[in-house]
Amino acid sequence: MSNSLKLKLASEKLVPEYLEQIDWKDVWERPIEKGTAFEWFIFAAFIAQSRLRGWSCSFPGLKYPMGREMFVLRNEIPNHYGAQAGHSSALYQKFDLPDRFFYSILPKVIIEKDGKSYSLFREGCPYHKITEIAFPVFNNTIS
């Protein structure tokens, strides 16, 4: 059994509903050295530990039609179709740009407890990019 598959099984034990709600594509088949399976295992561990400490957890993107497929994508605002060097653009071309934009701003999970709420994103939070574009004068005045 591969190490990535072991992480998948451990993730399933930590958060049973986690694996069945998401279209993981090849995440759990990639070599452990790529780090993707480890990243999602840590995400599952974070959710499990949050719940043990009394935090409620919700997955906002999964409430929408394409959320199951879009969940594994990074929270980065798409500027155009295409891919980074060495990466396929096939997944990006599968979805309309407005849909990619919408899902890019949704947190992967929101944890809440005692009136406090925290959002967790994958590889960054796109809100700063939106404020750069929408409020350029404001951003230039802050040093």
N, C-alpha and C. Protein backbone atom coordinates (compact mmCIF):
# COMPACT_ATOMS: atom_id res chain seq x y z
N MET A 1 0.85 -1.18 0.00
CA MET A 1 0.00 0.00 0.00
C MET A 1 0.90 1.24 0.00
N SER A 2 0.58 2.19 -0.88
CA SER A 2 1.39 3.41 -0.98
C SER A 2 1.18 4.31 0.24
N ASN A 3 2.15 5.17 0.48
CA ASN A 3 2.03 6.12 1.59
C ASN A 3 0.87 7.09 1.39
N SER A 4 0.63 7.49 0.15
CA SER A 4 -0.49 8.39 -0.13
C SER A 4 -1.82 7.71 0.19
N LEU A 5 -1.92 6.44 -0.14
CA LEU A 5 -3.14 5.69 0.18
C LEU A 5 -3.31 5.54 1.68
N LYS A 6 -2.21 5.36 2.41
CA LYS A 6 -2.28 5.31 3.87
C LYS A 6 -2.81 6.62 4.44
N LEU A 7 -2.37 7.75 3.85
CA LEU A 7 -2.88 9.05 4.29
C LEU A 7 -4.36 9.20 3.98
N LYS A 8 -4.78 8.67 2.86
CA LYS A 8 -6.20 8.70 2.50
C LYS A 8 -7.02 7.95 3.55
N LEU A 9 -6.58 6.75 3.92
CA LEU A 9 -7.29 5.95 4.91
C LEU A 9 -7.32 6.63 6.28
N ALA A 10 -6.20 7.25 6.64
CA ALA A 10 -6.14 7.98 7.91
C ALA A 10 -7.07 9.18 7.88
N SER A 11 -7.13 9.87 6.75
CA SER A 11 -8.02 11.03 6.60
C SER A 11 -9.47 10.61 6.75
N GLU A 12 -9.79 9.46 6.19
CA GLU A 12 -11.15 8.94 6.25
C GLU A 12 -11.56 8.61 7.69
N LYS A 13 -10.60 8.15 8.48
CA LYS A 13 -10.90 7.87 9.89
C LYS A 13 -11.08 9.16 10.69
N LEU A 14 -10.31 10.18 10.35
CA LEU A 14 -10.40 11.45 11.06
C LEU A 14 -11.71 12.19 10.78
N VAL A 15 -12.10 12.22 9.52
CA VAL A 15 -13.30 12.94 9.10
C VAL A 15 -14.04 12.04 8.10
N PRO A 16 -14.90 11.16 8.59
CA PRO A 16 -15.52 10.16 7.72
C PRO A 16 -16.23 10.71 6.48
N GLU A 17 -16.92 11.81 6.60
CA GLU A 17 -17.65 12.35 5.46
C GLU A 17 -16.77 13.09 4.47
N TYR A 18 -15.56 13.36 4.86
CA TYR A 18 -14.61 14.18 4.10
C TYR A 18 -14.34 13.61 2.70
N LEU A 19 -14.03 12.34 2.61
CA LEU A 19 -13.62 11.77 1.34
C LEU A 19 -14.77 11.56 0.37
N GLU A 20 -15.93 11.21 0.90
CA GLU A 20 -17.05 10.90 0.01
C GLU A 20 -17.69 12.13 -0.61
N GLN A 21 -17.52 13.30 -0.03
CA GLN A 21 -18.16 14.51 -0.54
C GLN A 21 -17.39 15.19 -1.66
N ILE A 22 -16.14 14.81 -1.86
CA ILE A 22 -15.24 15.55 -2.74
C ILE A 22 -14.76 14.67 -3.89
N ASP A 23 -14.66 15.24 -5.08
CA ASP A 23 -14.08 14.56 -6.22
C ASP A 23 -12.57 14.80 -6.17
N TRP A 24 -11.84 13.82 -5.70
CA TRP A 24 -10.41 13.98 -5.43
C TRP A 24 -9.54 13.81 -6.66
N LYS A 25 -10.09 13.38 -7.76
CA LYS A 25 -9.32 13.10 -8.97
C LYS A 25 -8.17 12.15 -8.62
N ASP A 26 -6.93 12.50 -8.87
CA ASP A 26 -5.81 11.58 -8.59
C ASP A 26 -5.01 11.96 -7.34
N VAL A 27 -5.58 12.79 -6.48
CA VAL A 27 -4.85 13.29 -5.31
C VAL A 27 -4.22 12.16 -4.50
N TRP A 28 -4.95 11.10 -4.26
CA TRP A 28 -4.47 10.03 -3.38
C TRP A 28 -3.61 9.01 -4.10
N GLU A 29 -3.45 9.16 -5.41
CA GLU A 29 -2.58 8.26 -6.17
C GLU A 29 -1.22 8.88 -6.46
N ARG A 30 -1.09 10.16 -6.21
CA ARG A 30 0.19 10.83 -6.51
C ARG A 30 1.27 10.37 -5.53
N PRO A 31 2.52 10.39 -5.97
CA PRO A 31 3.61 10.00 -5.07
C PRO A 31 3.63 10.90 -3.82
N ILE A 32 3.94 10.31 -2.70
CA ILE A 32 3.95 11.04 -1.43
C ILE A 32 4.89 12.25 -1.48
N GLU A 33 5.94 12.15 -2.27
CA GLU A 33 6.92 13.23 -2.38
C GLU A 33 6.32 14.51 -2.96
N LYS A 34 5.23 14.39 -3.69
CA LYS A 34 4.57 15.58 -4.26
C LYS A 34 3.93 16.44 -3.18
N GLY A 35 3.56 15.83 -2.07
CA GLY A 35 3.03 16.58 -0.93
C GLY A 35 1.54 16.82 -0.95
N THR A 36 0.86 16.50 -2.03
CA THR A 36 -0.57 16.80 -2.12
C THR A 36 -1.39 15.97 -1.15
N ALA A 37 -1.14 14.67 -1.09
CA ALA A 37 -1.86 13.81 -0.16
C ALA A 37 -1.59 14.25 1.28
N PHE A 38 -0.35 14.61 1.56
CA PHE A 38 -0.01 15.08 2.91
C PHE A 38 -0.76 16.37 3.25
N GLU A 39 -0.83 17.28 2.29
CA GLU A 39 -1.56 18.54 2.49
C GLU A 39 -3.01 18.27 2.87
N TRP A 40 -3.69 17.38 2.14
CA TRP A 40 -5.10 17.10 2.42
C TRP A 40 -5.28 16.28 3.69
N PHE A 41 -4.29 15.47 4.04
CA PHE A 41 -4.34 14.77 5.32
C PHE A 41 -4.26 15.77 6.47
N ILE A 42 -3.35 16.75 6.37
CA ILE A 42 -3.23 17.78 7.40
C ILE A 42 -4.53 18.57 7.51
N PHE A 43 -5.15 18.83 6.38
CA PHE A 43 -6.44 19.51 6.36
C PHE A 43 -7.48 18.70 7.14
N ALA A 44 -7.53 17.39 6.91
CA ALA A 44 -8.46 16.51 7.64
C ALA A 44 -8.13 16.51 9.13
N ALA A 45 -6.85 16.46 9.46
CA ALA A 45 -6.44 16.48 10.88
C ALA A 45 -6.86 17.79 11.55
N PHE A 46 -6.72 18.90 10.83
CA PHE A 46 -7.15 20.21 11.35
C PHE A 46 -8.65 20.20 11.66
N ILE A 47 -9.43 19.66 10.74
CA ILE A 47 -10.88 19.59 10.94
C ILE A 47 -11.20 18.70 12.14
N ALA A 48 -10.58 17.54 12.22
CA ALA A 48 -10.84 16.60 13.32
C ALA A 48 -10.48 17.23 14.66
N GLN A 49 -9.33 17.89 14.74
CA GLN A 49 -8.92 18.53 15.99
C GLN A 49 -9.83 19.70 16.36
N SER A 50 -10.27 20.43 15.36
CA SER A 50 -11.20 21.54 15.62
C SER A 50 -12.49 21.00 16.23
N ARG A 51 -13.01 19.93 15.65
CA ARG A 51 -14.25 19.33 16.17
C ARG A 51 -14.06 18.81 17.58
N LEU A 52 -12.91 18.18 17.86
CA LEU A 52 -12.65 17.68 19.21
C LEU A 52 -12.63 18.81 20.25
N ARG A 53 -12.28 20.00 19.79
CA ARG A 53 -12.23 21.17 20.68
C ARG A 53 -13.51 21.98 20.67
N GLY A 54 -14.56 21.43 20.07
CA GLY A 54 -15.88 22.05 20.12
C GLY A 54 -16.22 23.02 19.00
N TRP A 55 -15.39 23.08 17.98
CA TRP A 55 -15.67 23.96 16.85
C TRP A 55 -16.56 23.24 15.86
N SER A 56 -17.53 23.96 15.30
CA SER A 56 -18.32 23.37 14.22
C SER A 56 -17.60 23.69 12.92
N CYS A 57 -17.70 22.78 11.98
CA CYS A 57 -17.00 22.93 10.70
C CYS A 57 -17.99 22.80 9.55
N SER A 58 -17.87 23.69 8.60
CA SER A 58 -18.71 23.60 7.41
C SER A 58 -17.84 23.79 6.17
N PHE A 59 -18.28 23.23 5.08
CA PHE A 59 -17.58 23.29 3.80
C PHE A 59 -18.45 24.08 2.82
N PRO A 60 -18.31 25.41 2.78
CA PRO A 60 -19.22 26.24 1.99
C PRO A 60 -19.30 25.88 0.51
N GLY A 61 -18.19 25.54 -0.10
CA GLY A 61 -18.18 25.24 -1.53
C GLY A 61 -18.98 24.01 -1.90
N LEU A 62 -19.13 23.08 -0.96
CA LEU A 62 -19.83 21.85 -1.26
C LEU A 62 -21.34 22.04 -1.34
N LYS A 63 -21.81 23.22 -0.99
CA LYS A 63 -23.24 23.52 -1.06
C LYS A 63 -23.67 23.91 -2.47
N TYR A 64 -22.71 24.12 -3.35
CA TYR A 64 -23.00 24.60 -4.69
C TYR A 64 -22.79 23.48 -5.71
N PRO A 65 -23.43 23.61 -6.89
CA PRO A 65 -23.43 22.52 -7.88
C PRO A 65 -22.07 21.93 -8.24
N MET A 66 -21.07 22.73 -8.47
CA MET A 66 -19.77 22.20 -8.89
C MET A 66 -18.77 22.12 -7.74
N GLY A 67 -19.22 22.33 -6.53
CA GLY A 67 -18.33 22.33 -5.38
C GLY A 67 -17.56 21.05 -5.19
N ARG A 68 -18.17 19.95 -5.48
CA ARG A 68 -17.52 18.64 -5.34
C ARG A 68 -16.28 18.54 -6.23
N GLU A 69 -16.38 19.08 -7.44
CA GLU A 69 -15.26 19.04 -8.38
C GLU A 69 -14.25 20.16 -8.14
N MET A 70 -14.73 21.31 -7.68
CA MET A 70 -13.87 22.49 -7.52
C MET A 70 -13.11 22.49 -6.19
N PHE A 71 -13.52 21.66 -5.25
CA PHE A 71 -12.96 21.72 -3.91
C PHE A 71 -11.44 21.60 -3.88
N VAL A 72 -10.87 20.72 -4.66
CA VAL A 72 -9.42 20.48 -4.58
C VAL A 72 -8.58 21.58 -5.24
N LEU A 73 -9.22 22.48 -5.96
CA LEU A 73 -8.46 23.56 -6.61
C LEU A 73 -7.98 24.58 -5.59
N ARG A 74 -6.91 25.26 -5.93
CA ARG A 74 -6.37 26.31 -5.05
C ARG A 74 -7.30 27.52 -5.03
N ASN A 75 -7.22 28.28 -3.96
CA ASN A 75 -7.98 29.52 -3.85
C ASN A 75 -7.20 30.64 -4.51
N GLU A 76 -7.12 30.58 -5.81
CA GLU A 76 -6.46 31.66 -6.54
C GLU A 76 -7.41 32.15 -7.62
N ILE A 77 -7.49 33.45 -7.73
CA ILE A 77 -8.38 34.05 -8.71
C ILE A 77 -7.81 33.82 -10.10
N PRO A 78 -8.62 33.22 -10.98
CA PRO A 78 -8.12 32.98 -12.33
C PRO A 78 -8.13 34.28 -13.14
N ASN A 79 -7.05 34.56 -13.79
CA ASN A 79 -6.98 35.74 -14.65
C ASN A 79 -7.27 35.36 -16.10
N HIS A 80 -7.03 34.10 -16.42
CA HIS A 80 -7.22 33.60 -17.78
C HIS A 80 -7.16 32.09 -17.73
N TYR A 81 -7.53 31.47 -18.82
CA TYR A 81 -7.35 30.03 -18.90
C TYR A 81 -5.88 29.77 -19.18
N GLY A 82 -5.41 28.69 -18.69
CA GLY A 82 -4.01 28.37 -18.89
C GLY A 82 -3.50 27.63 -17.69
N ALA A 83 -2.23 27.40 -17.69
CA ALA A 83 -1.65 26.63 -16.59
C ALA A 83 -0.26 27.14 -16.29
N GLN A 84 0.20 26.80 -15.10
CA GLN A 84 1.57 27.11 -14.73
C GLN A 84 2.48 26.16 -15.52
N ALA A 85 3.71 26.54 -15.65
CA ALA A 85 4.66 25.69 -16.37
C ALA A 85 4.69 24.30 -15.75
N GLY A 86 4.57 23.31 -16.61
CA GLY A 86 4.62 21.94 -16.13
C GLY A 86 3.29 21.38 -15.65
N HIS A 87 2.23 22.18 -15.71
CA HIS A 87 0.92 21.73 -15.26
C HIS A 87 -0.06 21.77 -16.42
N SER A 88 -0.99 20.86 -16.40
CA SER A 88 -2.00 20.80 -17.45
C SER A 88 -3.05 21.89 -17.25
N SER A 89 -3.54 22.44 -18.33
CA SER A 89 -4.61 23.42 -18.24
C SER A 89 -5.97 22.77 -18.44
N ALA A 90 -6.01 21.46 -18.59
CA ALA A 90 -7.26 20.76 -18.89
C ALA A 90 -8.33 21.02 -17.84
N LEU A 91 -7.96 21.01 -16.56
CA LEU A 91 -8.95 21.22 -15.51
C LEU A 91 -9.50 22.64 -15.55
N TYR A 92 -8.64 23.61 -15.81
CA TYR A 92 -9.08 24.99 -15.87
C TYR A 92 -10.04 25.21 -17.03
N GLN A 93 -9.84 24.53 -18.12
CA GLN A 93 -10.68 24.72 -19.29
C GLN A 93 -12.02 24.03 -19.15
N LYS A 94 -12.14 23.13 -18.21
CA LYS A 94 -13.38 22.39 -17.99
C LYS A 94 -14.46 23.30 -17.41
N PHE A 95 -14.07 24.33 -16.68
CA PHE A 95 -15.02 25.20 -16.00
C PHE A 95 -14.98 26.60 -16.59
N ASP A 96 -16.13 27.25 -16.58
CA ASP A 96 -16.20 28.64 -17.04
C ASP A 96 -15.42 29.54 -16.08
N LEU A 97 -14.88 30.60 -16.62
CA LEU A 97 -14.09 31.54 -15.81
C LEU A 97 -14.90 32.13 -14.65
N PRO A 98 -16.17 32.52 -14.87
CA PRO A 98 -16.94 33.03 -13.72
C PRO A 98 -17.10 32.01 -12.59
N ASP A 99 -17.26 30.74 -12.97
CA ASP A 99 -17.37 29.69 -11.94
C ASP A 99 -16.05 29.53 -11.19
N ARG A 100 -14.94 29.53 -11.92
CA ARG A 100 -13.62 29.43 -11.29
C ARG A 100 -13.41 30.59 -10.32
N PHE A 101 -13.81 31.78 -10.74
CA PHE A 101 -13.66 32.95 -9.88
C PHE A 101 -14.49 32.77 -8.61
N PHE A 102 -15.76 32.38 -8.77
CA PHE A 102 -16.65 32.20 -7.62
C PHE A 102 -16.06 31.21 -6.62
N TYR A 103 -15.63 30.05 -7.09
CA TYR A 103 -15.09 29.03 -6.18
C TYR A 103 -13.74 29.42 -5.61
N SER A 104 -13.02 30.30 -6.27
CA SER A 104 -11.72 30.72 -5.75
C SER A 104 -11.85 31.55 -4.47
N ILE A 105 -12.97 32.22 -4.31
CA ILE A 105 -13.13 33.06 -3.12
C ILE A 105 -13.85 32.36 -1.97
N LEU A 106 -14.29 31.13 -2.19
CA LEU A 106 -14.93 30.38 -1.12
C LEU A 106 -13.88 29.66 -0.28
N PRO A 107 -13.96 29.80 1.03
CA PRO A 107 -13.02 29.04 1.87
C PRO A 107 -13.29 27.54 1.75
N LYS A 108 -12.29 26.75 1.99
CA LYS A 108 -12.47 25.29 1.96
C LYS A 108 -13.27 24.85 3.16
N VAL A 109 -13.01 25.46 4.29
CA VAL A 109 -13.76 25.14 5.51
C VAL A 109 -13.90 26.41 6.34
N ILE A 110 -15.00 26.49 7.07
CA ILE A 110 -15.21 27.55 8.05
C ILE A 110 -15.41 26.86 9.39
N ILE A 111 -14.65 27.28 10.38
CA ILE A 111 -14.84 26.74 11.73
C ILE A 111 -15.43 27.85 12.59
N GLU A 112 -16.36 27.46 13.48
CA GLU A 112 -17.05 28.45 14.32
C GLU A 112 -17.21 27.92 15.74
N LYS A 113 -17.06 28.85 16.69
CA LYS A 113 -17.26 28.51 18.09
C LYS A 113 -17.34 29.82 18.89
N ASP A 114 -18.27 29.89 19.81
CA ASP A 114 -18.40 31.03 20.72
C ASP A 114 -18.41 32.37 19.99
N GLY A 115 -19.12 32.44 18.89
CA GLY A 115 -19.22 33.70 18.15
C GLY A 115 -18.00 34.05 17.31
N LYS A 116 -17.01 33.19 17.29
CA LYS A 116 -15.82 33.41 16.46
C LYS A 116 -15.90 32.51 15.24
N SER A 117 -15.40 33.03 14.14
CA SER A 117 -15.43 32.29 12.89
C SER A 117 -14.10 32.48 12.17
N TYR A 118 -13.56 31.37 11.65
CA TYR A 118 -12.32 31.41 10.89
C TYR A 118 -12.50 30.65 9.58
N SER A 119 -11.93 31.20 8.53
CA SER A 119 -12.01 30.58 7.21
C SER A 119 -10.63 30.03 6.84
N LEU A 120 -10.63 28.84 6.27
CA LEU A 120 -9.38 28.22 5.84
C LEU A 120 -9.42 28.08 4.32
N PHE A 121 -8.36 28.57 3.68
CA PHE A 121 -8.24 28.51 2.23
C PHE A 121 -7.08 27.60 1.86
N ARG A 122 -7.03 27.23 0.61
CA ARG A 122 -5.92 26.42 0.12
C ARG A 122 -4.97 27.30 -0.68
N GLU A 123 -3.74 27.37 -0.23
CA GLU A 123 -2.69 28.14 -0.89
C GLU A 123 -3.07 29.59 -1.07
N GLY A 124 -3.51 30.19 0.01
CA GLY A 124 -3.75 31.63 -0.01
C GLY A 124 -5.20 32.02 0.06
N CYS A 125 -5.40 33.28 0.29
CA CYS A 125 -6.73 33.86 0.35
C CYS A 125 -6.81 34.94 -0.74
N PRO A 126 -7.74 34.83 -1.65
CA PRO A 126 -7.79 35.75 -2.78
C PRO A 126 -8.33 37.13 -2.47
N TYR A 127 -8.81 37.35 -1.26
CA TYR A 127 -9.45 38.63 -0.96
C TYR A 127 -8.50 39.81 -1.16
N HIS A 128 -7.22 39.62 -0.84
CA HIS A 128 -6.27 40.73 -1.00
C HIS A 128 -6.15 41.14 -2.47
N LYS A 129 -6.24 40.18 -3.36
CA LYS A 129 -6.16 40.48 -4.79
C LYS A 129 -7.37 41.31 -5.24
N ILE A 130 -8.52 40.98 -4.71
CA ILE A 130 -9.74 41.72 -5.04
C ILE A 130 -9.62 43.16 -4.56
N THR A 131 -9.13 43.35 -3.34
CA THR A 131 -9.00 44.71 -2.84
C THR A 131 -7.95 45.50 -3.60
N GLU A 132 -6.91 44.84 -4.07
CA GLU A 132 -5.90 45.53 -4.90
C GLU A 132 -6.53 46.09 -6.16
N ILE A 133 -7.38 45.29 -6.77
CA ILE A 133 -8.02 45.69 -8.02
C ILE A 133 -9.12 46.71 -7.76
N ALA A 134 -9.95 46.45 -6.75
CA ALA A 134 -11.11 47.29 -6.50
C ALA A 134 -10.76 48.61 -5.82
N PHE A 135 -9.72 48.62 -5.00
CA PHE A 135 -9.38 49.81 -4.23
C PHE A 135 -7.90 50.18 -4.39
N PRO A 136 -7.43 50.46 -5.59
CA PRO A 136 -5.99 50.71 -5.78
C PRO A 136 -5.49 51.92 -5.02
N VAL A 137 -6.29 52.96 -4.89
CA VAL A 137 -5.87 54.16 -4.18
C VAL A 137 -5.68 53.84 -2.70
N PHE A 138 -6.62 53.13 -2.13
CA PHE A 138 -6.54 52.75 -0.72
C PHE A 138 -5.30 51.92 -0.46
N ASN A 139 -5.01 50.96 -1.30
CA ASN A 139 -3.85 50.09 -1.10
C ASN A 139 -2.53 50.85 -1.24
N ASN A 140 -2.49 51.88 -2.05
CA ASN A 140 -1.26 52.64 -2.22
C ASN A 140 -0.98 53.58 -1.05
N THR A 141 -2.00 53.86 -0.25
CA THR A 141 -1.79 54.77 0.87
C THR A 141 -1.32 54.07 2.12
N ILE A 142 -1.40 52.76 2.13
CA ILE A 142 -0.96 52.00 3.30
C ILE A 142 0.49 51.60 3.10
N SER A 143 1.32 51.95 4.06
CA SER A 143 2.75 51.60 3.96
C SER A 143 3.14 50.70 5.10
